Amino acid sequence: MKSALFCAAAVFVVMVCVTSAQAQLLFSYEAGETGMPYVGNPALYTVTPGATGVTNGLTSLQVSVPVPAFGGPTNATRFTDAARANLINSSDFLAIDMTVPNIAFGFGNIDLTFFQTNIRPGFDADETRFSPTFAASSGSTVTLIIPTTTTQFGTPRIHLDPTQPWAYQIDMSFNSAANGPFVFQFDNLRAIPEPATLSCCALAGGLALLRRRRA
């Protein structure tokens, strides 16, 4: 029993380490970085650089809204960036660090909307699947994992044409009985590679640790 528990714990630790090692940085929200400054959509969102919630670099993307509403920060000028587009296309998950205000929430999730002309037939926008909830993480900085493989609209996955301009938006969906403003911070948006490879590496690492323990 103890061996099984140890093996499970080892696999989890190795998976976390491998995922962190393999993740590719997309945006760190630093001064002068492509995409800066960001704007709020809808207009009641205010977006500024912040010193709170920094997990990579010197600044985070601080987002404030007076009342709960669907929307969030978006890059105002479209990217012409094939490298980042290809990273997104080759990843089944995106990860972002989110600092949650110390306020009680009823529910809270985020997703990402990508904008590009005819990104799917007849549409210029497509959304990722929702992240896990952040509602239970008031006052904390958490990493939210956002799947790209099954979108809200039923297309197989997000796919950007790397030869065409594109943009993206962090969409927040939440409610709260508390009074606003609600101030969040985001940092360190990164692409995570296909999970099956990571799982195999993690399992091998976990079994190796277990064998070493038995020896």
Protein backbone atom coordinates (compact mmCIF):
# COMPACT_ATOMS: atom_id res chain seq x y z
CA MET A 1 0.00 0.00 0.00
CA LYS A 2 2.76 2.41 0.98
CA SER A 3 4.63 1.54 -2.22
CA ALA A 4 1.57 2.30 -4.33
CA LEU A 5 1.05 5.62 -2.60
CA PHE A 6 4.71 6.48 -2.99
CA CYS A 7 4.59 5.61 -6.68
CA ALA A 8 1.49 7.75 -7.23
CA ALA A 9 3.13 10.68 -5.46
CA ALA A 10 6.32 10.23 -7.47
CA VAL A 11 4.41 10.18 -10.74
CA PHE A 12 2.59 13.38 -9.80
CA VAL A 13 5.81 15.16 -8.85
CA VAL A 14 7.55 14.10 -12.03
CA MET A 15 4.53 15.17 -14.15
CA VAL A 16 4.62 18.62 -12.59
CA CYS A 17 8.36 18.93 -13.14
CA VAL A 18 8.20 17.71 -16.75
CA THR A 19 5.25 20.00 -17.56
CA SER A 20 7.10 22.99 -16.13
CA ALA A 21 10.27 22.12 -17.99
CA GLN A 22 8.53 21.62 -21.34
CA ALA A 23 6.16 24.62 -21.23
CA GLN A 24 6.95 27.36 -23.76
CA LEU A 25 6.49 30.99 -22.73
CA LEU A 26 4.03 32.94 -24.88
CA PHE A 27 3.56 36.20 -22.96
CA SER A 28 4.99 37.60 -19.73
CA TYR A 29 3.33 41.05 -19.94
CA GLU A 30 6.54 43.05 -19.69
CA ALA A 31 7.00 46.65 -20.82
CA GLY A 32 7.69 46.74 -24.56
CA GLU A 33 6.57 43.14 -25.10
CA THR A 34 4.59 42.48 -28.26
CA GLY A 35 0.88 42.86 -27.51
CA MET A 36 1.32 45.56 -24.87
CA PRO A 37 -0.66 47.55 -23.96
CA TYR A 38 -3.83 45.51 -23.57
CA VAL A 39 -7.34 46.95 -23.42
CA GLY A 40 -10.53 45.84 -21.70
CA ASN A 41 -13.40 44.21 -23.53
CA PRO A 42 -16.16 45.08 -22.76
CA ALA A 43 -15.14 48.67 -22.06
CA LEU A 44 -15.90 48.48 -18.32
CA TYR A 45 -12.72 46.41 -17.86
CA THR A 46 -9.58 48.44 -17.05
CA VAL A 47 -6.23 46.86 -17.89
CA THR A 48 -2.86 48.17 -16.65
CA PRO A 49 0.59 46.76 -15.84
CA GLY A 50 0.85 45.63 -12.22
CA ALA A 51 3.46 44.80 -9.60
CA THR A 52 1.18 42.28 -7.83
CA GLY A 53 0.92 38.68 -8.94
CA VAL A 54 4.20 38.61 -10.87
CA THR A 55 5.40 35.05 -11.54
CA ASN A 56 7.63 35.78 -14.53
CA GLY A 57 9.55 39.00 -15.15
CA LEU A 58 8.76 42.33 -13.49
CA THR A 59 5.10 43.07 -14.24
CA SER A 60 1.75 41.33 -14.51
CA LEU A 61 -1.39 42.18 -16.42
CA GLN A 62 -3.74 43.81 -13.88
CA VAL A 63 -7.44 43.73 -14.69
CA SER A 64 -10.16 45.60 -12.80
CA VAL A 65 -13.92 45.53 -13.29
CA PRO A 66 -16.56 47.27 -11.10
CA VAL A 67 -19.15 44.47 -11.31
CA PRO A 68 -19.05 40.82 -12.42
CA ALA A 69 -19.24 40.69 -16.22
CA PHE A 70 -18.01 38.41 -18.96
CA GLY A 71 -14.93 39.81 -20.69
CA GLY A 72 -11.35 40.75 -19.98
CA PRO A 73 -8.08 41.96 -21.45
CA THR A 74 -7.31 41.76 -25.16
CA ASN A 75 -4.33 42.88 -27.21
CA ALA A 76 -5.41 45.97 -29.14
CA THR A 77 -3.12 45.47 -32.15
CA ARG A 78 -3.14 42.14 -33.93
CA PHE A 79 0.02 40.04 -33.88
CA THR A 80 1.92 39.06 -36.97
CA ASP A 81 3.69 36.30 -35.12
CA ALA A 82 4.02 32.88 -36.74
CA ALA A 83 6.21 31.46 -33.96
CA ARG A 84 3.64 32.01 -31.21
CA ALA A 85 0.80 30.90 -33.49
CA ASN A 86 2.60 27.63 -34.17
CA LEU A 87 3.25 27.10 -30.46
CA ILE A 88 -0.46 27.49 -29.75
CA ASN A 89 -1.37 25.17 -32.62
CA SER A 90 0.97 22.44 -31.37
CA SER A 91 -0.20 22.55 -27.75
CA ASP A 92 -3.20 20.80 -26.24
CA PHE A 93 -3.15 23.07 -23.19
CA LEU A 94 -2.27 26.63 -22.30
CA ALA A 95 -1.37 27.67 -18.75
CA ILE A 96 -1.62 31.08 -17.09
CA ASP A 97 -0.91 32.27 -13.55
CA MET A 98 -3.83 34.15 -12.01
CA THR A 99 -3.87 36.11 -8.75
CA VAL A 100 -7.37 36.05 -7.33
CA PRO A 101 -8.65 38.89 -5.10
CA ASN A 102 -9.47 38.00 -1.51
CA ILE A 103 -13.21 38.01 -2.18
CA ALA A 104 -15.77 35.21 -1.96
CA PHE A 105 -16.96 33.92 -5.34
CA GLY A 106 -19.91 31.76 -6.27
CA PHE A 107 -18.15 30.51 -9.37
CA GLY A 108 -15.23 31.61 -11.50
CA ASN A 109 -13.54 30.35 -14.65
CA ILE A 110 -11.57 31.76 -17.55
CA ASP A 111 -11.13 30.82 -21.17
CA LEU A 112 -9.31 32.36 -24.12
CA THR A 113 -10.87 33.73 -27.30
CA PHE A 114 -8.70 33.90 -30.41
CA PHE A 115 -9.49 36.29 -33.26
CA GLN A 116 -8.47 35.83 -36.87
CA THR A 117 -10.28 36.31 -40.17
CA ASN A 118 -12.16 33.06 -40.90
CA ILE A 119 -10.50 31.23 -38.04
CA ARG A 120 -13.22 28.64 -38.57
CA PRO A 121 -15.66 28.55 -41.49
CA GLY A 122 -17.79 31.67 -41.39
CA PHE A 123 -16.42 32.97 -38.07
CA ASP A 124 -13.61 35.31 -37.05
CA ALA A 125 -13.33 34.10 -33.44
CA ASP A 126 -12.98 30.80 -31.60
CA GLU A 127 -12.84 29.99 -27.89
CA THR A 128 -10.91 27.46 -25.87
CA ARG A 129 -12.58 25.30 -23.30
CA PHE A 130 -13.01 26.78 -19.80
CA SER A 131 -10.31 26.42 -17.17
CA PRO A 132 -10.97 24.77 -13.81
CA THR A 133 -12.57 27.10 -11.27
CA PHE A 134 -10.66 29.83 -9.48
CA ALA A 135 -13.57 30.47 -7.08
CA ALA A 136 -11.99 28.37 -4.32
CA SER A 137 -8.67 30.26 -4.51
CA SER A 138 -9.54 33.69 -3.10
CA GLY A 139 -6.41 35.62 -2.10
CA SER A 140 -4.09 33.15 -3.85
CA THR A 141 -2.02 32.92 -7.01
CA VAL A 142 -2.96 29.80 -8.95
CA THR A 143 -2.04 28.26 -12.29
CA LEU A 144 -5.06 27.64 -14.50
CA ILE A 145 -4.82 25.03 -17.26
CA ILE A 146 -6.88 25.84 -20.36
CA PRO A 147 -7.57 23.05 -22.90
CA THR A 148 -7.26 24.00 -26.58
CA THR A 149 -8.40 20.66 -27.99
CA THR A 150 -12.19 20.96 -27.56
CA THR A 151 -13.65 24.42 -27.90
CA GLN A 152 -16.94 25.95 -26.77
CA PHE A 153 -18.19 25.98 -30.36
CA GLY A 154 -17.49 22.33 -31.07
CA THR A 155 -14.56 22.70 -33.46
CA PRO A 156 -11.78 20.12 -32.89
CA ARG A 157 -9.26 22.61 -31.50
CA ILE A 158 -7.92 26.13 -31.77
CA HIS A 159 -5.95 26.52 -34.98
CA LEU A 160 -4.39 29.79 -36.12
CA ASP A 161 -3.12 30.45 -39.63
CA PRO A 162 0.49 31.46 -38.85
CA THR A 163 0.66 33.56 -42.01
CA GLN A 164 -2.25 35.80 -40.96
CA PRO A 165 -2.61 38.42 -38.17
CA TRP A 166 -4.33 37.27 -34.98
CA ALA A 167 -5.29 38.44 -31.49
CA TYR A 168 -6.52 36.88 -28.26
CA GLN A 169 -8.53 37.79 -25.17
CA ILE A 170 -8.59 36.42 -21.62
CA ASP A 171 -12.29 35.97 -20.81
CA MET A 172 -13.43 35.91 -17.20
CA SER A 173 -16.75 34.47 -16.12
CA PHE A 174 -17.56 34.82 -12.41
CA ASN A 175 -20.09 35.94 -9.86
CA SER A 176 -19.85 37.27 -6.31
CA ALA A 177 -22.14 38.76 -3.69
CA ALA A 178 -19.32 41.14 -2.69
CA ASN A 179 -19.04 44.72 -3.87
CA GLY A 180 -16.48 45.61 -6.54
CA PRO A 181 -14.13 46.56 -7.87
CA PHE A 182 -12.74 43.11 -8.62
CA VAL A 183 -9.02 43.26 -9.33
CA PHE A 184 -7.21 40.28 -10.85
CA GLN A 185 -3.66 39.81 -12.11
CA PHE A 186 -2.44 37.51 -14.89
CA ASP A 187 1.11 36.50 -15.76
CA ASN A 188 3.21 33.91 -17.54
CA LEU A 189 0.94 32.64 -20.33
CA ARG A 190 2.58 29.54 -21.75
CA ALA A 191 1.94 26.62 -24.07
CA ILE A 192 2.06 23.05 -22.75
CA PRO A 193 2.93 20.17 -25.10
CA GLU A 194 0.83 17.10 -25.83
CA PRO A 195 0.09 15.39 -22.48
CA ALA A 196 0.51 11.73 -23.49
CA THR A 197 4.27 12.21 -23.88
CA LEU A 198 4.44 13.88 -20.49
CA SER A 199 2.44 11.10 -18.87
CA CYS A 200 4.79 8.43 -20.25
CA CYS A 201 7.82 10.36 -19.03
CA ALA A 202 6.19 10.85 -15.65
CA LEU A 203 5.28 7.17 -15.31
CA ALA A 204 8.79 6.08 -16.23
CA GLY A 205 10.24 8.52 -13.72
CA GLY A 206 7.86 7.42 -11.00
CA LEU A 207 8.61 3.74 -11.54
CA ALA A 208 12.33 4.46 -11.49
CA LEU A 209 11.96 6.20 -8.15
CA LEU A 210 9.93 3.25 -6.82
CA ARG A 211 12.58 0.73 -7.98
CA ARG A 212 15.29 2.82 -6.32
CA ARG A 213 13.28 2.85 -3.06
CA ARG A 214 12.88 -0.96 -3.13
CA ALA A 215 16.56 -1.42 -3.86
